[in-house]
Amino acid sequence: MSEILIRRAEPADAEGIAATFRSRSAAAGTLQSPWPSITEWKERITSTTGRNYLFVALADGEIIGNAGLHGSPNPRREHAYMLGVVVRDDWQRRGVGTRLMETLIDLADNWVGAMRLELTVYTENVHARRMYEKFGFVLEGTFRAYALREGVYVDSYSMARLNPRSPRLAMDVPRKEHG
């Protein structure tokens, strides 16, 4: 099996990210269009600054998935971030989603100080729900007729996770020597 590399997305990744959504099942598992524009993805990547982070998963230099962590512009919701993960059809159930989630959770918990992570997942997507539960996400509710997918309105679950180790003051943490 190829080694999976996770890194921040670059504008040159737009074509690979768009290709991820060209498969019907990958597009059907998200709110993305099954016919994505490379130009739109390039714009999304270049505008991903501040409280928005986009990552890609690569195997042998080829993009096989991507994930995003998106902060709210509302000051009253600065503690909350939305996240999304997508893995190309031929790489699903091979640990790529887990690696992307590990990256998002580490960034959220240890670097941006997120208190709450939120996501939506279609009710029939059992594999994704199990993965999210593995990372501490819990079901908070059901959105009825949440999105139109292939001519049918489908339901979605709202899931969230609270940071189990909220950020601490340096004086409360044992000192480590760096260097």
N, C-alpha and C. Protein backbone atom coordinates (compact mmCIF):
# COMPACT_ATOMS: atom_id res chain seq x y z
N MET A 1 0.84 -1.19 0.00
CA MET A 1 0.00 0.00 0.00
C MET A 1 0.88 1.25 0.00
N SER A 2 0.48 2.25 -0.70
CA SER A 2 1.22 3.50 -0.80
C SER A 2 1.17 4.26 0.51
N GLU A 3 2.23 5.01 0.78
CA GLU A 3 2.24 5.88 1.95
C GLU A 3 1.31 7.06 1.67
N ILE A 4 0.54 7.44 2.68
CA ILE A 4 -0.39 8.56 2.56
C ILE A 4 0.25 9.78 3.20
N LEU A 5 0.32 10.86 2.44
CA LEU A 5 0.87 12.13 2.91
C LEU A 5 -0.27 13.13 3.04
N ILE A 6 -0.33 13.83 4.18
CA ILE A 6 -1.33 14.88 4.39
C ILE A 6 -0.58 16.21 4.44
N ARG A 7 -1.07 17.20 3.70
CA ARG A 7 -0.46 18.54 3.74
C ARG A 7 -1.52 19.59 3.40
N ARG A 8 -1.17 20.86 3.67
CA ARG A 8 -2.06 21.96 3.31
C ARG A 8 -2.22 22.01 1.80
N ALA A 9 -3.41 22.38 1.36
CA ALA A 9 -3.69 22.50 -0.07
C ALA A 9 -3.02 23.73 -0.64
N GLU A 10 -2.58 23.61 -1.88
CA GLU A 10 -1.95 24.69 -2.64
C GLU A 10 -2.80 24.94 -3.90
N PRO A 11 -2.70 26.13 -4.50
CA PRO A 11 -3.47 26.40 -5.71
C PRO A 11 -3.28 25.35 -6.81
N ALA A 12 -2.10 24.78 -6.92
CA ALA A 12 -1.84 23.75 -7.93
C ALA A 12 -2.62 22.46 -7.68
N ASP A 13 -3.21 22.32 -6.49
CA ASP A 13 -3.99 21.12 -6.14
C ASP A 13 -5.43 21.19 -6.64
N ALA A 14 -5.85 22.31 -7.20
CA ALA A 14 -7.26 22.51 -7.57
C ALA A 14 -7.76 21.41 -8.49
N GLU A 15 -6.97 21.03 -9.49
CA GLU A 15 -7.42 19.99 -10.42
C GLU A 15 -7.61 18.65 -9.71
N GLY A 16 -6.70 18.29 -8.82
CA GLY A 16 -6.82 17.03 -8.08
C GLY A 16 -7.99 17.02 -7.13
N ILE A 17 -8.26 18.15 -6.50
CA ILE A 17 -9.41 18.23 -5.59
C ILE A 17 -10.70 18.12 -6.40
N ALA A 18 -10.77 18.83 -7.52
CA ALA A 18 -11.96 18.76 -8.38
C ALA A 18 -12.18 17.32 -8.85
N ALA A 19 -11.10 16.61 -9.18
CA ALA A 19 -11.22 15.23 -9.65
C ALA A 19 -11.82 14.33 -8.58
N THR A 20 -11.55 14.63 -7.30
CA THR A 20 -12.12 13.85 -6.21
C THR A 20 -13.64 13.85 -6.28
N PHE A 21 -14.23 14.98 -6.66
CA PHE A 21 -15.68 15.12 -6.69
C PHE A 21 -16.30 14.70 -8.02
N ARG A 22 -15.50 14.25 -8.97
CA ARG A 22 -16.06 13.82 -10.26
C ARG A 22 -16.75 12.47 -10.17
N SER A 23 -16.42 11.69 -9.15
CA SER A 23 -17.12 10.42 -8.98
C SER A 23 -18.45 10.69 -8.29
N ARG A 24 -19.48 10.01 -8.72
CA ARG A 24 -20.83 10.27 -8.21
C ARG A 24 -20.92 10.02 -6.71
N SER A 25 -20.31 8.96 -6.21
CA SER A 25 -20.49 8.67 -4.78
C SER A 25 -19.78 9.68 -3.91
N ALA A 26 -18.60 10.17 -4.33
CA ALA A 26 -17.92 11.20 -3.54
C ALA A 26 -18.73 12.49 -3.53
N ALA A 27 -19.25 12.89 -4.67
CA ALA A 27 -20.07 14.09 -4.73
C ALA A 27 -21.38 13.88 -3.98
N ALA A 28 -21.95 12.68 -4.08
CA ALA A 28 -23.22 12.40 -3.41
C ALA A 28 -23.08 12.38 -1.89
N GLY A 29 -21.88 12.17 -1.37
CA GLY A 29 -21.67 12.16 0.08
C GLY A 29 -21.43 13.53 0.66
N THR A 30 -21.39 14.56 -0.19
CA THR A 30 -21.13 15.93 0.27
C THR A 30 -22.17 16.86 -0.35
N LEU A 31 -22.01 18.14 -0.11
CA LEU A 31 -22.86 19.14 -0.75
C LEU A 31 -22.21 19.70 -2.01
N GLN A 32 -21.14 19.07 -2.48
CA GLN A 32 -20.44 19.53 -3.67
C GLN A 32 -21.15 19.06 -4.94
N SER A 33 -20.93 19.79 -6.00
CA SER A 33 -21.47 19.43 -7.31
C SER A 33 -20.67 18.28 -7.90
N PRO A 34 -21.33 17.37 -8.63
CA PRO A 34 -20.57 16.30 -9.28
C PRO A 34 -19.78 16.78 -10.50
N TRP A 35 -19.90 18.03 -10.88
CA TRP A 35 -19.14 18.58 -12.00
C TRP A 35 -18.40 19.83 -11.53
N PRO A 36 -17.39 19.65 -10.68
CA PRO A 36 -16.72 20.82 -10.11
C PRO A 36 -15.83 21.55 -11.10
N SER A 37 -15.71 22.83 -10.89
CA SER A 37 -14.86 23.68 -11.71
C SER A 37 -13.48 23.78 -11.07
N ILE A 38 -12.45 23.56 -11.87
CA ILE A 38 -11.08 23.69 -11.37
C ILE A 38 -10.82 25.14 -10.97
N THR A 39 -11.34 26.07 -11.75
CA THR A 39 -11.16 27.50 -11.44
C THR A 39 -11.79 27.85 -10.09
N GLU A 40 -12.99 27.34 -9.84
CA GLU A 40 -13.63 27.61 -8.54
C GLU A 40 -12.82 27.03 -7.39
N TRP A 41 -12.27 25.83 -7.57
CA TRP A 41 -11.46 25.24 -6.51
C TRP A 41 -10.17 26.03 -6.29
N LYS A 42 -9.59 26.52 -7.36
CA LYS A 42 -8.38 27.34 -7.22
C LYS A 42 -8.70 28.59 -6.41
N GLU A 43 -9.84 29.22 -6.69
CA GLU A 43 -10.27 30.40 -5.93
C GLU A 43 -10.51 30.05 -4.47
N ARG A 44 -11.15 28.91 -4.21
CA ARG A 44 -11.41 28.49 -2.83
C ARG A 44 -10.11 28.28 -2.07
N ILE A 45 -9.15 27.65 -2.73
CA ILE A 45 -7.86 27.39 -2.07
C ILE A 45 -7.14 28.70 -1.77
N THR A 46 -7.11 29.61 -2.72
CA THR A 46 -6.37 30.86 -2.51
C THR A 46 -7.07 31.78 -1.52
N SER A 47 -8.37 31.60 -1.33
CA SER A 47 -9.08 32.43 -0.36
C SER A 47 -9.16 31.76 1.01
N THR A 48 -8.57 30.57 1.14
CA THR A 48 -8.59 29.85 2.41
C THR A 48 -7.50 30.41 3.31
N THR A 49 -7.88 31.43 4.07
CA THR A 49 -6.93 32.07 4.99
C THR A 49 -7.61 32.28 6.33
N GLY A 50 -6.87 32.77 7.27
CA GLY A 50 -7.44 33.09 8.58
C GLY A 50 -7.97 31.87 9.28
N ARG A 51 -9.28 31.78 9.40
CA ARG A 51 -9.91 30.72 10.18
C ARG A 51 -10.38 29.55 9.30
N ASN A 52 -9.84 29.43 8.11
CA ASN A 52 -10.20 28.34 7.20
C ASN A 52 -8.94 27.61 6.77
N TYR A 53 -8.99 26.29 6.85
CA TYR A 53 -7.84 25.45 6.54
C TYR A 53 -8.29 24.34 5.61
N LEU A 54 -7.53 24.10 4.55
CA LEU A 54 -7.85 23.04 3.60
C LEU A 54 -6.62 22.15 3.45
N PHE A 55 -6.84 20.83 3.55
CA PHE A 55 -5.77 19.85 3.45
C PHE A 55 -6.05 18.88 2.32
N VAL A 56 -4.99 18.29 1.78
CA VAL A 56 -5.13 17.22 0.80
C VAL A 56 -4.41 15.98 1.32
N ALA A 57 -4.92 14.81 0.90
CA ALA A 57 -4.26 13.53 1.15
C ALA A 57 -3.71 13.06 -0.18
N LEU A 58 -2.46 12.65 -0.19
CA LEU A 58 -1.81 12.21 -1.42
C LEU A 58 -1.24 10.80 -1.26
N ALA A 59 -1.30 10.04 -2.33
CA ALA A 59 -0.63 8.74 -2.43
C ALA A 59 0.11 8.74 -3.75
N ASP A 60 1.39 8.50 -3.71
CA ASP A 60 2.22 8.53 -4.92
C ASP A 60 2.06 9.83 -5.69
N GLY A 61 1.94 10.94 -4.96
CA GLY A 61 1.83 12.27 -5.57
C GLY A 61 0.46 12.61 -6.12
N GLU A 62 -0.51 11.72 -5.99
CA GLU A 62 -1.85 11.93 -6.53
C GLU A 62 -2.83 12.24 -5.39
N ILE A 63 -3.68 13.24 -5.59
CA ILE A 63 -4.66 13.61 -4.56
C ILE A 63 -5.75 12.54 -4.50
N ILE A 64 -5.94 12.00 -3.29
CA ILE A 64 -6.93 10.94 -3.08
C ILE A 64 -8.02 11.36 -2.10
N GLY A 65 -7.90 12.55 -1.53
CA GLY A 65 -8.91 13.05 -0.62
C GLY A 65 -8.56 14.45 -0.16
N ASN A 66 -9.52 15.09 0.48
CA ASN A 66 -9.26 16.41 1.04
C ASN A 66 -10.18 16.64 2.23
N ALA A 67 -9.81 17.62 3.04
CA ALA A 67 -10.59 17.93 4.24
C ALA A 67 -10.42 19.40 4.58
N GLY A 68 -11.46 19.96 5.20
CA GLY A 68 -11.41 21.36 5.58
C GLY A 68 -11.89 21.59 6.98
N LEU A 69 -11.31 22.59 7.61
CA LEU A 69 -11.71 23.06 8.94
C LEU A 69 -12.02 24.54 8.77
N HIS A 70 -13.27 24.93 9.07
CA HIS A 70 -13.74 26.27 8.72
C HIS A 70 -14.32 26.97 9.94
N GLY A 71 -13.68 28.08 10.32
CA GLY A 71 -14.16 28.87 11.44
C GLY A 71 -15.25 29.83 11.03
N SER A 72 -16.09 30.15 11.99
CA SER A 72 -17.20 31.07 11.74
C SER A 72 -16.71 32.51 11.79
N PRO A 73 -17.21 33.37 10.90
CA PRO A 73 -16.85 34.79 10.97
C PRO A 73 -17.61 35.52 12.09
N ASN A 74 -18.62 34.89 12.67
CA ASN A 74 -19.40 35.49 13.75
C ASN A 74 -18.60 35.43 15.06
N PRO A 75 -18.31 36.58 15.69
CA PRO A 75 -17.51 36.57 16.92
C PRO A 75 -18.11 35.73 18.04
N ARG A 76 -19.42 35.59 18.06
CA ARG A 76 -20.05 34.79 19.11
C ARG A 76 -19.89 33.30 18.87
N ARG A 77 -19.39 32.93 17.66
CA ARG A 77 -19.18 31.52 17.33
C ARG A 77 -17.70 31.23 17.03
N GLU A 78 -16.82 32.08 17.54
CA GLU A 78 -15.38 31.89 17.30
C GLU A 78 -14.87 30.58 17.88
N HIS A 79 -15.55 30.03 18.82
CA HIS A 79 -15.12 28.78 19.46
C HIS A 79 -15.50 27.55 18.62
N ALA A 80 -16.32 27.73 17.58
CA ALA A 80 -16.85 26.61 16.80
C ALA A 80 -16.27 26.59 15.39
N TYR A 81 -15.98 25.41 14.91
CA TYR A 81 -15.49 25.18 13.55
C TYR A 81 -16.31 24.08 12.90
N MET A 82 -16.59 24.24 11.61
CA MET A 82 -17.22 23.18 10.80
C MET A 82 -16.10 22.40 10.12
N LEU A 83 -16.36 21.13 9.88
CA LEU A 83 -15.37 20.37 9.14
C LEU A 83 -16.04 19.49 8.11
N GLY A 84 -15.26 19.13 7.12
CA GLY A 84 -15.73 18.24 6.07
C GLY A 84 -14.57 17.40 5.57
N VAL A 85 -14.87 16.17 5.20
CA VAL A 85 -13.87 15.23 4.71
C VAL A 85 -14.45 14.52 3.49
N VAL A 86 -13.63 14.35 2.46
CA VAL A 86 -14.04 13.54 1.30
C VAL A 86 -12.83 12.72 0.84
N VAL A 87 -13.12 11.48 0.48
CA VAL A 87 -12.09 10.57 0.00
C VAL A 87 -12.55 10.03 -1.35
N ARG A 88 -11.64 10.01 -2.30
CA ARG A 88 -11.94 9.49 -3.63
C ARG A 88 -12.47 8.05 -3.52
N ASP A 89 -13.41 7.70 -4.38
CA ASP A 89 -14.08 6.39 -4.32
C ASP A 89 -13.11 5.22 -4.17
N ASP A 90 -12.07 5.17 -4.99
CA ASP A 90 -11.17 4.02 -4.98
C ASP A 90 -10.24 3.97 -3.77
N TRP A 91 -10.31 4.99 -2.90
CA TRP A 91 -9.49 5.01 -1.69
C TRP A 91 -10.33 4.95 -0.41
N GLN A 92 -11.63 4.82 -0.54
CA GLN A 92 -12.48 4.78 0.65
C GLN A 92 -12.26 3.49 1.44
N ARG A 93 -12.41 3.61 2.76
CA ARG A 93 -12.24 2.50 3.71
C ARG A 93 -10.82 1.93 3.72
N ARG A 94 -9.84 2.83 3.49
CA ARG A 94 -8.44 2.42 3.52
C ARG A 94 -7.63 3.31 4.46
N GLY A 95 -8.31 4.02 5.35
CA GLY A 95 -7.63 4.82 6.37
C GLY A 95 -7.36 6.26 6.00
N VAL A 96 -7.73 6.67 4.79
CA VAL A 96 -7.47 8.05 4.35
C VAL A 96 -8.31 9.03 5.16
N GLY A 97 -9.60 8.74 5.32
CA GLY A 97 -10.47 9.61 6.11
C GLY A 97 -9.98 9.74 7.54
N THR A 98 -9.53 8.66 8.11
CA THR A 98 -9.00 8.69 9.48
C THR A 98 -7.77 9.59 9.56
N ARG A 99 -6.87 9.48 8.59
CA ARG A 99 -5.67 10.33 8.60
C ARG A 99 -6.04 11.81 8.46
N LEU A 100 -7.01 12.11 7.59
CA LEU A 100 -7.45 13.50 7.45
C LEU A 100 -8.09 14.00 8.73
N MET A 101 -8.92 13.15 9.36
CA MET A 101 -9.56 13.53 10.63
C MET A 101 -8.51 13.78 11.72
N GLU A 102 -7.50 12.94 11.80
CA GLU A 102 -6.44 13.14 12.80
C GLU A 102 -5.79 14.51 12.62
N THR A 103 -5.57 14.90 11.37
CA THR A 103 -4.97 16.20 11.07
C THR A 103 -5.89 17.34 11.52
N LEU A 104 -7.18 17.24 11.18
CA LEU A 104 -8.14 18.29 11.56
C LEU A 104 -8.28 18.39 13.08
N ILE A 105 -8.37 17.25 13.76
CA ILE A 105 -8.54 17.24 15.23
C ILE A 105 -7.31 17.83 15.91
N ASP A 106 -6.12 17.45 15.45
CA ASP A 106 -4.90 18.00 16.04
C ASP A 106 -4.86 19.52 15.87
N LEU A 107 -5.16 20.00 14.66
CA LEU A 107 -5.16 21.44 14.42
C LEU A 107 -6.20 22.13 15.29
N ALA A 108 -7.40 21.58 15.34
CA ALA A 108 -8.49 22.20 16.10
C ALA A 108 -8.19 22.23 17.60
N ASP A 109 -7.75 21.12 18.14
CA ASP A 109 -7.54 21.02 19.59
C ASP A 109 -6.27 21.71 20.08
N ASN A 110 -5.20 21.62 19.30
CA ASN A 110 -3.89 22.03 19.81
C ASN A 110 -3.34 23.33 19.24
N TRP A 111 -3.93 23.82 18.16
CA TRP A 111 -3.34 24.99 17.52
C TRP A 111 -4.30 26.15 17.31
N VAL A 112 -5.58 25.90 17.09
CA VAL A 112 -6.51 27.02 16.89
C VAL A 112 -7.45 27.21 18.08
N GLY A 113 -7.39 26.34 19.06
CA GLY A 113 -8.19 26.50 20.28
C GLY A 113 -9.68 26.32 20.08
N ALA A 114 -10.07 25.47 19.16
CA ALA A 114 -11.50 25.23 18.94
C ALA A 114 -12.09 24.52 20.15
N MET A 115 -13.22 24.98 20.59
CA MET A 115 -13.94 24.33 21.69
C MET A 115 -14.96 23.34 21.14
N ARG A 116 -15.49 23.64 19.95
CA ARG A 116 -16.57 22.83 19.38
C ARG A 116 -16.29 22.59 17.89
N LEU A 117 -16.43 21.32 17.47
CA LEU A 117 -16.34 20.96 16.06
C LEU A 117 -17.70 20.44 15.63
N GLU A 118 -18.14 20.87 14.44
CA GLU A 118 -19.47 20.51 13.94
C GLU A 118 -19.35 19.92 12.54
N LEU A 119 -20.29 19.05 12.20
CA LEU A 119 -20.35 18.50 10.86
C LEU A 119 -21.76 18.01 10.58
N THR A 120 -22.03 17.78 9.30
CA THR A 120 -23.26 17.10 8.90
C THR A 120 -22.85 15.87 8.12
N VAL A 121 -23.64 14.82 8.26
CA VAL A 121 -23.39 13.58 7.54
C VAL A 121 -24.73 12.99 7.15
N TYR A 122 -24.84 12.51 5.92
CA TYR A 122 -26.10 11.92 5.48
C TYR A 122 -26.43 10.71 6.34
N THR A 123 -27.71 10.56 6.64
CA THR A 123 -28.14 9.54 7.60
C THR A 123 -27.75 8.12 7.19
N GLU A 124 -27.68 7.84 5.90
CA GLU A 124 -27.35 6.47 5.47
C GLU A 124 -25.84 6.21 5.40
N ASN A 125 -25.01 7.22 5.65
CA ASN A 125 -23.56 7.05 5.54
C ASN A 125 -22.99 6.48 6.85
N VAL A 126 -23.23 5.19 7.05
CA VAL A 126 -22.86 4.50 8.29
C VAL A 126 -21.36 4.52 8.52
N HIS A 127 -20.57 4.30 7.47
CA HIS A 127 -19.10 4.25 7.62
C HIS A 127 -18.56 5.59 8.11
N ALA A 128 -19.01 6.69 7.53
CA ALA A 128 -18.55 8.01 7.97
C ALA A 128 -18.99 8.29 9.40
N ARG A 129 -20.24 7.95 9.73
CA ARG A 129 -20.72 8.17 11.11
C ARG A 129 -19.86 7.43 12.11
N ARG A 130 -19.53 6.19 11.81
CA ARG A 130 -18.67 5.41 12.73
C ARG A 130 -17.30 6.07 12.90
N MET A 131 -16.75 6.57 11.79
CA MET A 131 -15.45 7.23 11.89
C MET A 131 -15.56 8.47 12.77
N TYR A 132 -16.60 9.28 12.55
CA TYR A 132 -16.76 10.49 13.36
C TYR A 132 -16.96 10.14 14.84
N GLU A 133 -17.73 9.11 15.11
CA GLU A 133 -17.93 8.69 16.50
C GLU A 133 -16.62 8.25 17.14
N LYS A 134 -15.75 7.62 16.36
CA LYS A 134 -14.43 7.20 16.85
C LYS A 134 -13.63 8.41 17.34
N PHE A 135 -13.88 9.57 16.75
CA PHE A 135 -13.19 10.80 17.13
C PHE A 135 -13.97 11.63 18.16
N GLY A 136 -15.01 11.05 18.75
CA GLY A 136 -15.74 11.71 19.82
C GLY A 136 -16.94 12.54 19.40
N PHE A 137 -17.34 12.47 18.14
CA PHE A 137 -18.52 13.20 17.69
C PHE A 137 -19.77 12.47 18.16
N VAL A 138 -20.78 13.24 18.54
CA VAL A 138 -22.05 12.67 18.96
C VAL A 138 -23.17 13.27 18.12
N LEU A 139 -24.22 12.48 17.96
CA LEU A 139 -25.39 12.90 17.20
C LEU A 139 -26.14 13.96 18.00
N GLU A 140 -26.45 15.09 17.35
CA GLU A 140 -27.19 16.16 18.01
C GLU A 140 -28.58 16.35 17.44
N GLY A 141 -28.82 15.89 16.23
CA GLY A 141 -30.15 16.06 15.65
C GLY A 141 -30.19 15.60 14.21
N THR A 142 -31.39 15.64 13.65
CA THR A 142 -31.61 15.23 12.27
C THR A 142 -32.18 16.40 11.50
N PHE A 143 -31.60 16.67 10.33
CA PHE A 143 -32.13 17.67 9.41
C PHE A 143 -32.95 16.91 8.37
N ARG A 144 -34.24 17.12 8.37
CA ARG A 144 -35.13 16.47 7.39
C ARG A 144 -35.02 17.17 6.04
N ALA A 145 -35.04 16.41 4.97
CA ALA A 145 -34.95 16.95 3.60
C ALA A 145 -33.82 17.98 3.50
N TYR A 146 -32.66 17.63 4.00
CA TYR A 146 -31.52 18.53 4.12
C TYR A 146 -30.96 18.98 2.78
N ALA A 147 -30.83 18.03 1.83
CA ALA A 147 -30.20 18.37 0.56
C ALA A 147 -30.81 17.56 -0.58
N LEU A 148 -30.78 18.14 -1.75
CA LEU A 148 -31.23 17.45 -2.96
C LEU A 148 -30.05 16.65 -3.51
N ARG A 149 -30.26 15.36 -3.70
CA ARG A 149 -29.21 14.49 -4.23
C ARG A 149 -29.83 13.54 -5.24
N GLU A 150 -29.40 13.66 -6.48
CA GLU A 150 -29.89 12.82 -7.56
C GLU A 150 -31.42 12.79 -7.61
N GLY A 151 -32.04 13.96 -7.46
CA GLY A 151 -33.48 14.09 -7.60
C GLY A 151 -34.30 13.73 -6.37
N VAL A 152 -33.65 13.46 -5.24
CA VAL A 152 -34.35 13.07 -4.01
C VAL A 152 -33.82 13.92 -2.85
N TYR A 153 -34.75 14.42 -2.03
CA TYR A 153 -34.33 15.14 -0.83
C TYR A 153 -33.95 14.11 0.24
N VAL A 154 -32.75 14.26 0.78
CA VAL A 154 -32.24 13.30 1.75
C VAL A 154 -32.01 13.97 3.10
N ASP A 155 -32.07 13.15 4.16
CA ASP A 155 -31.87 13.63 5.52
C ASP A 155 -30.39 13.61 5.89
N SER A 156 -30.05 14.42 6.87
CA SER A 156 -28.68 14.49 7.36
C SER A 156 -28.69 14.58 8.88
N TYR A 157 -27.65 14.05 9.48
CA TYR A 157 -27.46 14.20 10.92
C TYR A 157 -26.54 15.39 11.19
N SER A 158 -26.81 16.06 12.28
CA SER A 158 -25.91 17.06 12.83
C SER A 158 -25.11 16.35 13.91
N MET A 159 -23.78 16.44 13.82
CA MET A 159 -22.92 15.84 14.84
C MET A 159 -21.94 16.91 15.32
N ALA A 160 -21.51 16.77 16.56
CA ALA A 160 -20.54 17.73 17.10
C ALA A 160 -19.66 17.04 18.13
N ARG A 161 -18.55 17.69 18.40
CA ARG A 161 -17.57 17.20 19.38
C ARG A 161 -17.05 18.41 20.15
N LEU A 162 -17.05 18.30 21.46
CA LEU A 162 -16.44 19.34 22.29
C LEU A 162 -15.01 18.93 22.59
N ASN A 163 -14.12 19.91 22.62
CA ASN A 163 -12.71 19.64 22.89
C ASN A 163 -12.60 18.99 24.27
N PRO A 164 -12.09 17.76 24.36
CA PRO A 164 -12.01 17.09 25.66
C PRO A 164 -10.93 17.65 26.58
N ARG A 165 -10.00 18.39 26.00
CA ARG A 165 -8.93 19.02 26.79
C ARG A 165 -8.87 20.49 26.40
N SER A 166 -9.73 21.29 26.99
CA SER A 166 -9.72 22.70 26.60
C SER A 166 -8.35 23.30 26.86
N PRO A 167 -7.96 24.29 26.06
CA PRO A 167 -6.64 24.91 26.21
C PRO A 167 -6.38 25.35 27.64
N ARG A 168 -5.10 25.21 28.05
CA ARG A 168 -4.70 25.53 29.42
C ARG A 168 -3.66 26.64 29.42
N LEU A 169 -3.50 27.25 30.57
CA LEU A 169 -2.46 28.25 30.74
C LEU A 169 -1.11 27.55 30.84
N ALA A 170 -0.05 28.18 30.33
CA ALA A 170 1.27 27.57 30.34
C ALA A 170 1.71 27.20 31.76
N MET A 171 1.31 28.01 32.75
CA MET A 171 1.73 27.73 34.13
C MET A 171 1.09 26.44 34.68
N ASP A 172 0.04 25.95 34.02
CA ASP A 172 -0.63 24.73 34.46
C ASP A 172 -0.07 23.48 33.77
N VAL A 173 0.85 23.66 32.83
CA VAL A 173 1.38 22.54 32.06
C VAL A 173 2.82 22.30 32.48
N PRO A 174 3.18 21.04 32.77
CA PRO A 174 4.60 20.75 33.09
C PRO A 174 5.50 21.21 31.97
N ARG A 175 6.61 21.85 32.30
CA ARG A 175 7.53 22.38 31.29
C ARG A 175 8.31 21.26 30.62
N LYS A 176 8.48 21.39 29.31
CA LYS A 176 9.32 20.49 28.54
C LYS A 176 10.49 21.30 28.01
N GLU A 177 11.62 20.69 27.97
CA GLU A 177 12.78 21.33 27.37
C GLU A 177 12.71 21.13 25.86
N HIS A 178 12.85 22.20 25.10
CA HIS A 178 12.83 22.11 23.64
C HIS A 178 14.27 22.27 23.14
N GLY A 179 14.58 21.53 22.12
CA GLY A 179 15.88 21.74 21.51
C GLY A 179 16.64 20.54 21.43
